[in-house]
Amino acid sequence: MWCSADNYPPIVGSPAIYSGVKIMDAATVKVLLQTHMDDCEFVVQGEGNHYDITAIGAVFEGLRPVKKQQLVYAALSDHIADGSIHAVNIRTFSPAEWQTQGQP
C-alpha cells in the first residue's frame, strides 16, 4: 500500500505540513504579528493551530475592544483563511492598561 507524504512526520527543522495545511508554531505567529504591528509587544503561546495572544501597544489606546481585536486579526487573516491558524484568544492592552491590569 502506498502512502502520501502527508502521512509521514516532518523532517526535523522543516515546517510541518499535513493535508496541505502548514502547521504554525508560536514563534512564527509572533513574527507575523511583529511584522504587521512593529510598535507592539507580543506574547504568543500555543501550538498546532490554536494560540493565545497578548498584545501590548500604544496603538490600542482609546480603541473599543472589537477594534483592538480586528487589528490583531488583520495580521493573521491570510493564515486564518488558509486554515493554518484555526483559533486565537486575543488579549490587548495599551501600555497604561498593561501596567494596571495586564501584568501577572
PDB file of N, CA and C in Angstrom:
ATOM      1  N   MET A   1       0.843  -1.176   0.000  1.00  0.00           N
ATOM      2  CA  MET A   1       0.000   0.000   0.000  1.00  0.00           C
ATOM      3  C   MET A   1       0.888   1.239   0.000  1.00  0.00           C
ATOM      4  N   TRP A   2       0.560   2.200  -0.856  1.00  0.00           N
ATOM      5  CA  TRP A   2       1.326   3.432  -0.960  1.00  0.00           C
ATOM      6  C   TRP A   2       0.725   4.486  -0.047  1.00  0.00           C
ATOM      7  N   CYS A   3       1.568   5.288   0.553  1.00  0.00           N
ATOM      8  CA  CYS A   3       1.125   6.362   1.441  1.00  0.00           C
ATOM      9  C   CYS A   3       1.582   7.691   0.862  1.00  0.00           C
ATOM     10  N   SER A   4       0.794   8.711   1.084  1.00  0.00           N
ATOM     11  CA  SER A   4       1.212  10.038   0.626  1.00  0.00           C
ATOM     12  C   SER A   4       2.223  10.604   1.609  1.00  0.00           C
ATOM     13  N   ALA A   5       2.976  11.602   1.191  1.00  0.00           N
ATOM     14  CA  ALA A   5       3.964  12.247   2.053  1.00  0.00           C
ATOM     15  C   ALA A   5       3.308  12.891   3.263  1.00  0.00           C
ATOM     16  N   ASP A   6       2.021  13.227   3.162  1.00  0.00           N
ATOM     17  CA  ASP A   6       1.316  13.854   4.279  1.00  0.00           C
ATOM     18  C   ASP A   6       1.194  12.921   5.478  1.00  0.00           C
ATOM     19  N   ASN A   7       1.370  11.624   5.279  1.00  0.00           N
ATOM     20  CA  ASN A   7       1.222  10.670   6.371  1.00  0.00           C
ATOM     21  C   ASN A   7       2.493  10.489   7.184  1.00  0.00           C
ATOM     22  N   TYR A   8       3.583  11.078   6.769  1.00  0.00           N
ATOM     23  CA  TYR A   8       4.847  10.935   7.465  1.00  0.00           C
ATOM     24  C   TYR A   8       5.124  12.151   8.333  1.00  0.00           C
ATOM     25  N   PRO A   9       5.827  11.961   9.460  1.00  0.00           N
ATOM     26  CA  PRO A   9       6.166  13.122  10.294  1.00  0.00           C
ATOM     27  C   PRO A   9       7.151  14.023   9.563  1.00  0.00           C
ATOM     28  N   PRO A  10       7.177  15.319   9.918  1.00  0.00           N
ATOM     29  CA  PRO A  10       8.082  16.236   9.240  1.00  0.00           C
ATOM     30  C   PRO A  10       9.535  15.942   9.586  1.00  0.00           C
ATOM     31  N   ILE A  11      10.422  16.295   8.686  1.00  0.00           N
ATOM     32  CA  ILE A  11      11.852  16.207   8.945  1.00  0.00           C
ATOM     33  C   ILE A  11      12.190  17.303   9.944  1.00  0.00           C
ATOM     34  N   VAL A  12      13.032  16.996  10.912  1.00  0.00           N
ATOM     35  CA  VAL A  12      13.388  17.978  11.936  1.00  0.00           C
ATOM     36  C   VAL A  12      13.926  19.240  11.267  1.00  0.00           C
ATOM     37  N   GLY A  13      13.411  20.386  11.707  1.00  0.00           N
ATOM     38  CA  GLY A  13      13.849  21.663  11.154  1.00  0.00           C
ATOM     39  C   GLY A  13      13.026  22.146   9.980  1.00  0.00           C
ATOM     40  N   SER A  14      12.135  21.317   9.471  1.00  0.00           N
ATOM     41  CA  SER A  14      11.303  21.745   8.356  1.00  0.00           C
ATOM     42  C   SER A  14       9.924  22.122   8.876  1.00  0.00           C
ATOM     43  N   PRO A  15       9.211  23.014   8.161  1.00  0.00           N
ATOM     44  CA  PRO A  15       7.855  23.339   8.609  1.00  0.00           C
ATOM     45  C   PRO A  15       6.959  22.122   8.461  1.00  0.00           C
ATOM     46  N   ALA A  16       6.099  21.917   9.422  1.00  0.00           N
ATOM     47  CA  ALA A  16       5.188  20.775   9.375  1.00  0.00           C
ATOM     48  C   ALA A  16       4.033  21.090   8.438  1.00  0.00           C
ATOM     49  N   ILE A  17       3.749  20.182   7.528  1.00  0.00           N
ATOM     50  CA  ILE A  17       2.632  20.344   6.602  1.00  0.00           C
ATOM     51  C   ILE A  17       1.842  19.048   6.611  1.00  0.00           C
ATOM     52  N   TYR A  18       0.563  19.146   6.965  1.00  0.00           N
ATOM     53  CA  TYR A  18      -0.311  17.990   6.989  1.00  0.00           C
ATOM     54  C   TYR A  18      -1.543  18.310   6.161  1.00  0.00           C
ATOM     55  N   SER A  19      -1.875  17.426   5.270  1.00  0.00           N
ATOM     56  CA  SER A  19      -3.041  17.588   4.399  1.00  0.00           C
ATOM     57  C   SER A  19      -3.022  18.936   3.689  1.00  0.00           C
ATOM     58  N   GLY A  20      -1.841  19.391   3.305  1.00  0.00           N
ATOM     59  CA  GLY A  20      -1.707  20.627   2.554  1.00  0.00           C
ATOM     60  C   GLY A  20      -1.783  21.899   3.386  1.00  0.00           C
ATOM     61  N   VAL A  21      -1.910  21.791   4.712  1.00  0.00           N
ATOM     62  CA  VAL A  21      -2.010  22.969   5.568  1.00  0.00           C
ATOM     63  C   VAL A  21      -0.742  23.079   6.403  1.00  0.00           C
ATOM     64  N   LYS A  22      -0.096  24.225   6.338  1.00  0.00           N
ATOM     65  CA  LYS A  22       1.099  24.447   7.139  1.00  0.00           C
ATOM     66  C   LYS A  22       0.692  24.598   8.601  1.00  0.00           C
ATOM     67  N   ILE A  23       1.373  23.879   9.476  1.00  0.00           N
ATOM     68  CA  ILE A  23       1.128  23.978  10.908  1.00  0.00           C
ATOM     69  C   ILE A  23       2.090  25.025  11.457  1.00  0.00           C
ATOM     70  N   MET A  24       1.541  26.046  12.079  1.00  0.00           N
ATOM     71  CA  MET A  24       2.337  27.151  12.597  1.00  0.00           C
ATOM     72  C   MET A  24       2.896  26.787  13.967  1.00  0.00           C
ATOM     73  N   ASP A  25       3.897  27.541  14.403  1.00  0.00           N
ATOM     74  CA  ASP A  25       4.342  27.452  15.785  1.00  0.00           C
ATOM     75  C   ASP A  25       4.260  28.849  16.385  1.00  0.00           C
ATOM     76  N   ALA A  26       4.364  28.938  17.698  1.00  0.00           N
ATOM     77  CA  ALA A  26       4.183  30.217  18.390  1.00  0.00           C
ATOM     78  C   ALA A  26       5.191  31.260  17.919  1.00  0.00           C
ATOM     79  N   ALA A  27       6.419  30.850  17.657  1.00  0.00           N
ATOM     80  CA  ALA A  27       7.445  31.800  17.209  1.00  0.00           C
ATOM     81  C   ALA A  27       7.093  32.391  15.844  1.00  0.00           C
ATOM     82  N   THR A  28       6.562  31.578  14.947  1.00  0.00           N
ATOM     83  CA  THR A  28       6.165  32.055  13.622  1.00  0.00           C
ATOM     84  C   THR A  28       4.988  33.018  13.725  1.00  0.00           C
ATOM     85  N   VAL A  29       4.022  32.690  14.571  1.00  0.00           N
ATOM     86  CA  VAL A  29       2.875  33.576  14.771  1.00  0.00           C
ATOM     87  C   VAL A  29       3.348  34.916  15.331  1.00  0.00           C
ATOM     88  N   LYS A  30       4.284  34.889  16.267  1.00  0.00           N
ATOM     89  CA  LYS A  30       4.812  36.126  16.845  1.00  0.00           C
ATOM     90  C   LYS A  30       5.500  36.979  15.784  1.00  0.00           C
ATOM     91  N   VAL A  31       6.272  36.362  14.901  1.00  0.00           N
ATOM     92  CA  VAL A  31       6.937  37.102  13.824  1.00  0.00           C
ATOM     93  C   VAL A  31       5.901  37.729  12.890  1.00  0.00           C
ATOM     94  N   LEU A  32       4.853  36.989  12.553  1.00  0.00           N
ATOM     95  CA  LEU A  32       3.790  37.551  11.710  1.00  0.00           C
ATOM     96  C   LEU A  32       3.186  38.794  12.351  1.00  0.00           C
ATOM     97  N   LEU A  33       2.912  38.713  13.638  1.00  0.00           N
ATOM     98  CA  LEU A  33       2.328  39.845  14.361  1.00  0.00           C
ATOM     99  C   LEU A  33       3.292  41.026  14.408  1.00  0.00           C
ATOM    100  N   GLN A  34       4.557  40.757  14.715  1.00  0.00           N
ATOM    101  CA  GLN A  34       5.550  41.827  14.811  1.00  0.00           C
ATOM    102  C   GLN A  34       5.779  42.502  13.463  1.00  0.00           C
ATOM    103  N   THR A  35       5.701  41.743  12.403  1.00  0.00           N
ATOM    104  CA  THR A  35       5.881  42.303  11.063  1.00  0.00           C
ATOM    105  C   THR A  35       4.733  43.248  10.715  1.00  0.00           C
ATOM    106  N   HIS A  36       3.534  42.891  11.129  1.00  0.00           N
ATOM    107  CA  HIS A  36       2.345  43.686  10.825  1.00  0.00           C
ATOM    108  C   HIS A  36       2.173  44.867  11.781  1.00  0.00           C
ATOM    109  N   MET A  37       2.585  44.686  13.021  1.00  0.00           N
ATOM    110  CA  MET A  37       2.392  45.701  14.057  1.00  0.00           C
ATOM    111  C   MET A  37       3.715  45.873  14.800  1.00  0.00           C
ATOM    112  N   ASP A  38       4.660  46.543  14.165  1.00  0.00           N
ATOM    113  CA  ASP A  38       6.012  46.617  14.709  1.00  0.00           C
ATOM    114  C   ASP A  38       6.146  47.469  15.971  1.00  0.00           C
ATOM    115  N   ASP A  39       5.125  48.230  16.322  1.00  0.00           N
ATOM    116  CA  ASP A  39       5.201  49.075  17.511  1.00  0.00           C
ATOM    117  C   ASP A  39       4.558  48.428  18.733  1.00  0.00           C
ATOM    118  N   CYS A  40       4.309  47.111  18.668  1.00  0.00           N
ATOM    119  CA  CYS A  40       3.673  46.380  19.770  1.00  0.00           C
ATOM    120  C   CYS A  40       4.600  45.279  20.274  1.00  0.00           C
ATOM    121  N   GLU A  41       4.334  44.870  21.501  1.00  0.00           N
ATOM    122  CA  GLU A  41       4.989  43.698  22.061  1.00  0.00           C
ATOM    123  C   GLU A  41       3.957  42.579  22.106  1.00  0.00           C
ATOM    124  N   PHE A  42       4.407  41.355  21.856  1.00  0.00           N
ATOM    125  CA  PHE A  42       3.501  40.218  21.809  1.00  0.00           C
ATOM    126  C   PHE A  42       4.031  39.066  22.653  1.00  0.00           C
ATOM    127  N   VAL A  43       3.111  38.388  23.308  1.00  0.00           N
ATOM    128  CA  VAL A  43       3.382  37.111  23.953  1.00  0.00           C
ATOM    129  C   VAL A  43       2.440  36.126  23.281  1.00  0.00           C
ATOM    130  N   VAL A  44       3.017  35.093  22.691  1.00  0.00           N
ATOM    131  CA  VAL A  44       2.222  34.111  21.956  1.00  0.00           C
ATOM    132  C   VAL A  44       2.491  32.733  22.555  1.00  0.00           C
ATOM    133  N   GLN A  45       1.419  32.055  22.902  1.00  0.00           N
ATOM    134  CA  GLN A  45       1.512  30.696  23.424  1.00  0.00           C
ATOM    135  C   GLN A  45       0.550  29.822  22.645  1.00  0.00           C
ATOM    136  N   GLY A  46       0.915  28.569  22.495  1.00  0.00           N
ATOM    137  CA  GLY A  46       0.057  27.624  21.803  1.00  0.00           C
ATOM    138  C   GLY A  46       0.847  26.797  20.822  1.00  0.00           C
ATOM    139  N   GLU A  47       0.144  25.947  20.112  1.00  0.00           N
ATOM    140  CA  GLU A  47       0.774  25.099  19.119  1.00  0.00           C
ATOM    141  C   GLU A  47      -0.285  24.595  18.151  1.00  0.00           C
ATOM    142  N   GLY A  48       0.202  23.970  17.092  1.00  0.00           N
ATOM    143  CA  GLY A  48      -0.736  23.461  16.092  1.00  0.00           C
ATOM    144  C   GLY A  48      -1.416  24.610  15.388  1.00  0.00           C
ATOM    145  N   ASN A  49      -2.695  24.803  15.665  1.00  0.00           N
ATOM    146  CA  ASN A  49      -3.398  25.918  15.036  1.00  0.00           C
ATOM    147  C   ASN A  49      -4.263  26.686  16.034  1.00  0.00           C
ATOM    148  N   HIS A  50      -3.957  26.577  17.340  1.00  0.00           N
ATOM    149  CA  HIS A  50      -4.668  27.297  18.397  1.00  0.00           C
ATOM    150  C   HIS A  50      -3.661  28.115  19.207  1.00  0.00           C
ATOM    151  N   TYR A  51      -3.931  29.418  19.363  1.00  0.00           N
ATOM    152  CA  TYR A  51      -2.968  30.295  20.024  1.00  0.00           C
ATOM    153  C   TYR A  51      -3.627  31.274  20.979  1.00  0.00           C
ATOM    154  N   ASP A  52      -2.915  31.577  22.056  1.00  0.00           N
ATOM    155  CA  ASP A  52      -3.270  32.643  22.985  1.00  0.00           C
ATOM    156  C   ASP A  52      -2.293  33.780  22.714  1.00  0.00           C
ATOM    157  N   ILE A  53      -2.835  34.951  22.424  1.00  0.00           N
ATOM    158  CA  ILE A  53      -2.014  36.104  22.058  1.00  0.00           C
ATOM    159  C   ILE A  53      -2.291  37.246  23.025  1.00  0.00           C
ATOM    160  N   THR A  54      -1.225  37.782  23.604  1.00  0.00           N
ATOM    161  CA  THR A  54      -1.308  39.009  24.392  1.00  0.00           C
ATOM    162  C   THR A  54      -0.541  40.063  23.622  1.00  0.00           C
ATOM    163  N   ALA A  55      -1.196  41.189  23.357  1.00  0.00           N
ATOM    164  CA  ALA A  55      -0.590  42.283  22.591  1.00  0.00           C
ATOM    165  C   ALA A  55      -0.604  43.546  23.435  1.00  0.00           C
ATOM    166  N   ILE A  56       0.548  44.216  23.513  1.00  0.00           N
ATOM    167  CA  ILE A  56       0.678  45.450  24.275  1.00  0.00           C
ATOM    168  C   ILE A  56       1.236  46.517  23.338  1.00  0.00           C
ATOM    169  N   GLY A  57       0.501  47.631  23.207  1.00  0.00           N
ATOM    170  CA  GLY A  57       0.994  48.701  22.349  1.00  0.00           C
ATOM    171  C   GLY A  57       0.150  49.951  22.445  1.00  0.00           C
ATOM    172  N   ALA A  58       0.779  51.079  22.173  1.00  0.00           N
ATOM    173  CA  ALA A  58       0.088  52.364  22.203  1.00  0.00           C
ATOM    174  C   ALA A  58      -1.011  52.440  21.156  1.00  0.00           C
ATOM    175  N   VAL A  59      -0.917  51.642  20.125  1.00  0.00           N
ATOM    176  CA  VAL A  59      -1.921  51.630  19.065  1.00  0.00           C
ATOM    177  C   VAL A  59      -3.312  51.283  19.599  1.00  0.00           C
ATOM    178  N   PHE A  60      -3.384  50.605  20.742  1.00  0.00           N
ATOM    179  CA  PHE A  60      -4.665  50.191  21.315  1.00  0.00           C
ATOM    180  C   PHE A  60      -5.300  51.261  22.207  1.00  0.00           C
ATOM    181  N   GLU A  61      -4.568  52.325  22.470  1.00  0.00           N
ATOM    182  CA  GLU A  61      -5.052  53.394  23.356  1.00  0.00           C
ATOM    183  C   GLU A  61      -6.357  53.990  22.827  1.00  0.00           C
ATOM    184  N   GLY A  62      -7.393  53.948  23.659  1.00  0.00           N
ATOM    185  CA  GLY A  62      -8.669  54.573  23.336  1.00  0.00           C
ATOM    186  C   GLY A  62      -9.558  53.808  22.365  1.00  0.00           C
ATOM    187  N   LEU A  63      -9.133  52.625  21.921  1.00  0.00           N
ATOM    188  CA  LEU A  63      -9.944  51.860  20.974  1.00  0.00           C
ATOM    189  C   LEU A  63     -10.911  50.940  21.710  1.00  0.00           C
ATOM    190  N   ARG A  64     -12.037  50.680  21.067  1.00  0.00           N
ATOM    191  CA  ARG A  64     -13.009  49.728  21.612  1.00  0.00           C
ATOM    192  C   ARG A  64     -12.424  48.315  21.466  1.00  0.00           C
ATOM    193  N   PRO A  65     -12.839  47.383  22.320  1.00  0.00           N
ATOM    194  CA  PRO A  65     -12.290  46.024  22.276  1.00  0.00           C
ATOM    195  C   PRO A  65     -12.376  45.352  20.901  1.00  0.00           C
ATOM    196  N   VAL A  66     -13.473  45.527  20.204  1.00  0.00           N
ATOM    197  CA  VAL A  66     -13.613  44.897  18.883  1.00  0.00           C
ATOM    198  C   VAL A  66     -12.563  45.441  17.912  1.00  0.00           C
ATOM    199  N   LYS A  67     -12.335  46.730  17.909  1.00  0.00           N
ATOM    200  CA  LYS A  67     -11.344  47.332  17.016  1.00  0.00           C
ATOM    201  C   LYS A  67      -9.940  46.834  17.351  1.00  0.00           C
ATOM    202  N   LYS A  68      -9.646  46.673  18.637  1.00  0.00           N
ATOM    203  CA  LYS A  68      -8.334  46.160  19.054  1.00  0.00           C
ATOM    204  C   LYS A  68      -8.116  44.759  18.481  1.00  0.00           C
ATOM    205  N   GLN A  69      -9.132  43.910  18.604  1.00  0.00           N
ATOM    206  CA  GLN A  69      -9.000  42.555  18.099  1.00  0.00           C
ATOM    207  C   GLN A  69      -8.908  42.518  16.577  1.00  0.00           C
ATOM    208  N   GLN A  70      -9.615  43.414  15.906  1.00  0.00           N
ATOM    209  CA  GLN A  70      -9.549  43.472  14.451  1.00  0.00           C
ATOM    210  C   GLN A  70      -8.142  43.795  13.975  1.00  0.00           C
ATOM    211  N   LEU A  71      -7.435  44.660  14.715  1.00  0.00           N
ATOM    212  CA  LEU A  71      -6.058  44.990  14.347  1.00  0.00           C
ATOM    213  C   LEU A  71      -5.163  43.753  14.401  1.00  0.00           C
ATOM    214  N   VAL A  72      -5.350  42.942  15.421  1.00  0.00           N
ATOM    215  CA  VAL A  72      -4.537  41.729  15.553  1.00  0.00           C
ATOM    216  C   VAL A  72      -4.959  40.691  14.509  1.00  0.00           C
ATOM    217  N   TYR A  73      -6.241  40.502  14.325  1.00  0.00           N
ATOM    218  CA  TYR A  73      -6.725  39.553  13.308  1.00  0.00           C
ATOM    219  C   TYR A  73      -6.207  39.907  11.917  1.00  0.00           C
ATOM    220  N   ALA A  74      -6.101  41.186  11.615  1.00  0.00           N
ATOM    221  CA  ALA A  74      -5.631  41.602  10.288  1.00  0.00           C
ATOM    222  C   ALA A  74      -4.244  41.043   9.980  1.00  0.00           C
ATOM    223  N   ALA A  75      -3.409  40.950  11.000  1.00  0.00           N
ATOM    224  CA  ALA A  75      -2.062  40.421  10.798  1.00  0.00           C
ATOM    225  C   ALA A  75      -2.072  38.925  10.505  1.00  0.00           C
ATOM    226  N   LEU A  76      -3.124  38.253  10.911  1.00  0.00           N
ATOM    227  CA  LEU A  76      -3.195  36.797  10.781  1.00  0.00           C
ATOM    228  C   LEU A  76      -4.223  36.323   9.767  1.00  0.00           C
ATOM    229  N   SER A  77      -4.914  37.239   9.123  1.00  0.00           N
ATOM    230  CA  SER A  77      -6.075  36.891   8.297  1.00  0.00           C
ATOM    231  C   SER A  77      -5.777  35.870   7.201  1.00  0.00           C
ATOM    232  N   ASP A  78      -4.644  35.989   6.521  1.00  0.00           N
ATOM    233  CA  ASP A  78      -4.322  35.029   5.461  1.00  0.00           C
ATOM    234  C   ASP A  78      -4.156  33.623   6.027  1.00  0.00           C
ATOM    235  N   HIS A  79      -3.558  33.528   7.209  1.00  0.00           N
ATOM    236  CA  HIS A  79      -3.299  32.227   7.816  1.00  0.00           C
ATOM    237  C   HIS A  79      -4.555  31.641   8.453  1.00  0.00           C
ATOM    238  N   ILE A  80      -5.460  32.502   8.873  1.00  0.00           N
ATOM    239  CA  ILE A  80      -6.760  32.024   9.355  1.00  0.00           C
ATOM    240  C   ILE A  80      -7.562  31.504   8.159  1.00  0.00           C
ATOM    241  N   ALA A  81      -7.513  32.232   7.054  1.00  0.00           N
ATOM    242  CA  ALA A  81      -8.255  31.840   5.855  1.00  0.00           C
ATOM    243  C   ALA A  81      -7.776  30.514   5.281  1.00  0.00           C
ATOM    244  N   ASP A  82      -6.449  30.257   5.328  1.00  0.00           N
ATOM    245  CA  ASP A  82      -5.953  29.001   4.746  1.00  0.00           C
ATOM    246  C   ASP A  82      -5.975  27.836   5.735  1.00  0.00           C
ATOM    247  N   GLY A  83      -6.418  28.091   6.980  1.00  0.00           N
ATOM    248  CA  GLY A  83      -6.562  27.022   7.959  1.00  0.00           C
ATOM    249  C   GLY A  83      -5.331  26.731   8.787  1.00  0.00           C
ATOM    250  N   SER A  84      -4.203  27.407   8.515  1.00  0.00           N
ATOM    251  CA  SER A  84      -3.011  27.132   9.311  1.00  0.00           C
ATOM    252  C   SER A  84      -3.135  27.689  10.726  1.00  0.00           C
ATOM    253  N   ILE A  85      -4.023  28.662  10.923  1.00  0.00           N
ATOM    254  CA  ILE A  85      -4.413  29.104  12.261  1.00  0.00           C
ATOM    255  C   ILE A  85      -5.923  28.944  12.342  1.00  0.00           C
ATOM    256  N   HIS A  86      -6.367  28.210  13.336  1.00  0.00           N
ATOM    257  CA  HIS A  86      -7.796  27.936  13.458  1.00  0.00           C
ATOM    258  C   HIS A  86      -8.453  28.788  14.544  1.00  0.00           C
ATOM    259  N   ALA A  87      -7.812  28.908  15.684  1.00  0.00           N
ATOM    260  CA  ALA A  87      -8.426  29.614  16.801  1.00  0.00           C
ATOM    261  C   ALA A  87      -7.389  30.474  17.516  1.00  0.00           C
ATOM    262  N   VAL A  88      -7.808  31.686  17.868  1.00  0.00           N
ATOM    263  CA  VAL A  88      -6.946  32.575  18.643  1.00  0.00           C
ATOM    264  C   VAL A  88      -7.748  33.185  19.781  1.00  0.00           C
ATOM    265  N   ASN A  89      -7.094  33.316  20.897  1.00  0.00           N
ATOM    266  CA  ASN A  89      -7.638  34.020  22.045  1.00  0.00           C
ATOM    267  C   ASN A  89      -6.759  35.259  22.198  1.00  0.00           C
ATOM    268  N   ILE A  90      -7.351  36.427  22.030  1.00  0.00           N
ATOM    269  CA  ILE A  90      -6.578  37.670  21.980  1.00  0.00           C
ATOM    270  C   ILE A  90      -6.883  38.532  23.196  1.00  0.00           C
ATOM    271  N   ARG A  91      -5.816  38.979  23.854  1.00  0.00           N
ATOM    272  CA  ARG A  91      -5.918  39.979  24.929  1.00  0.00           C
ATOM    273  C   ARG A  91      -5.073  41.162  24.489  1.00  0.00           C
ATOM    274  N   THR A  92      -5.657  42.344  24.477  1.00  0.00           N
ATOM    275  CA  THR A  92      -4.935  43.542  24.041  1.00  0.00           C
ATOM    276  C   THR A  92      -4.896  44.564  25.165  1.00  0.00           C
ATOM    277  N   PHE A  93      -3.786  45.292  25.234  1.00  0.00           N
ATOM    278  CA  PHE A  93      -3.590  46.297  26.271  1.00  0.00           C
ATOM    279  C   PHE A  93      -2.810  47.480  25.713  1.00  0.00           C
ATOM    280  N   SER A  94      -3.199  48.680  26.118  1.00  0.00           N
ATOM    281  CA  SER A  94      -2.322  49.822  25.923  1.00  0.00           C
ATOM    282  C   SER A  94      -1.238  49.686  26.991  1.00  0.00           C
ATOM    283  N   PRO A  95      -0.135  50.415  26.890  1.00  0.00           N
ATOM    284  CA  PRO A  95       0.884  50.323  27.941  1.00  0.00           C
ATOM    285  C   PRO A  95       0.333  50.659  29.331  1.00  0.00           C
ATOM    286  N   ALA A  96      -0.545  51.653  29.428  1.00  0.00           N
ATOM    287  CA  ALA A  96      -1.132  52.017  30.730  1.00  0.00           C
ATOM    288  C   ALA A  96      -2.024  50.901  31.254  1.00  0.00           C
ATOM    289  N   GLU A  97      -2.827  50.288  30.373  1.00  0.00           N
ATOM    290  CA  GLU A  97      -3.679  49.171  30.781  1.00  0.00           C
ATOM    291  C   GLU A  97      -2.842  47.990  31.252  1.00  0.00           C
ATOM    292  N   TRP A  98      -1.738  47.751  30.560  1.00  0.00           N
ATOM    293  CA  TRP A  98      -0.858  46.647  30.930  1.00  0.00           C
ATOM    294  C   TRP A  98      -0.299  46.857  32.336  1.00  0.00           C
ATOM    295  N   GLN A  99       0.063  48.098  32.649  1.00  0.00           N
ATOM    296  CA  GLN A  99       0.601  48.404  33.985  1.00  0.00           C
ATOM    297  C   GLN A  99      -0.431  48.182  35.076  1.00  0.00           C
ATOM    298  N   THR A 100      -1.694  48.492  34.790  1.00  0.00           N
ATOM    299  CA  THR A 100      -2.721  48.421  35.841  1.00  0.00           C
ATOM    300  C   THR A 100      -3.455  47.096  35.919  1.00  0.00           C
ATOM    301  N   GLN A 101      -3.621  46.395  34.766  1.00  0.00           N
ATOM    302  CA  GLN A 101      -4.428  45.181  34.812  1.00  0.00           C
ATOM    303  C   GLN A 101      -3.866  43.980  34.097  1.00  0.00           C
ATOM    304  N   GLY A 102      -2.847  44.142  33.307  1.00  0.00           N
ATOM    305  CA  GLY A 102      -2.393  43.024  32.496  1.00  0.00           C
ATOM    306  C   GLY A 102      -1.242  42.225  33.054  1.00  0.00           C
ATOM    307  N   GLN A 103      -0.317  42.871  33.716  1.00  0.00           N
ATOM    308  CA  GLN A 103       0.871  42.177  34.186  1.00  0.00           C
ATOM    309  C   GLN A 103       0.529  41.162  35.261  1.00  0.00           C
ATOM    310  N   PRO A 104       1.141  39.986  35.157  1.00  0.00           N
ATOM    311  CA  PRO A 104       0.898  38.973  36.192  1.00  0.00           C
ATOM    312  C   PRO A 104       1.545  39.354  37.515  1.00  0.00           C
TER     313      PRO A 104
END
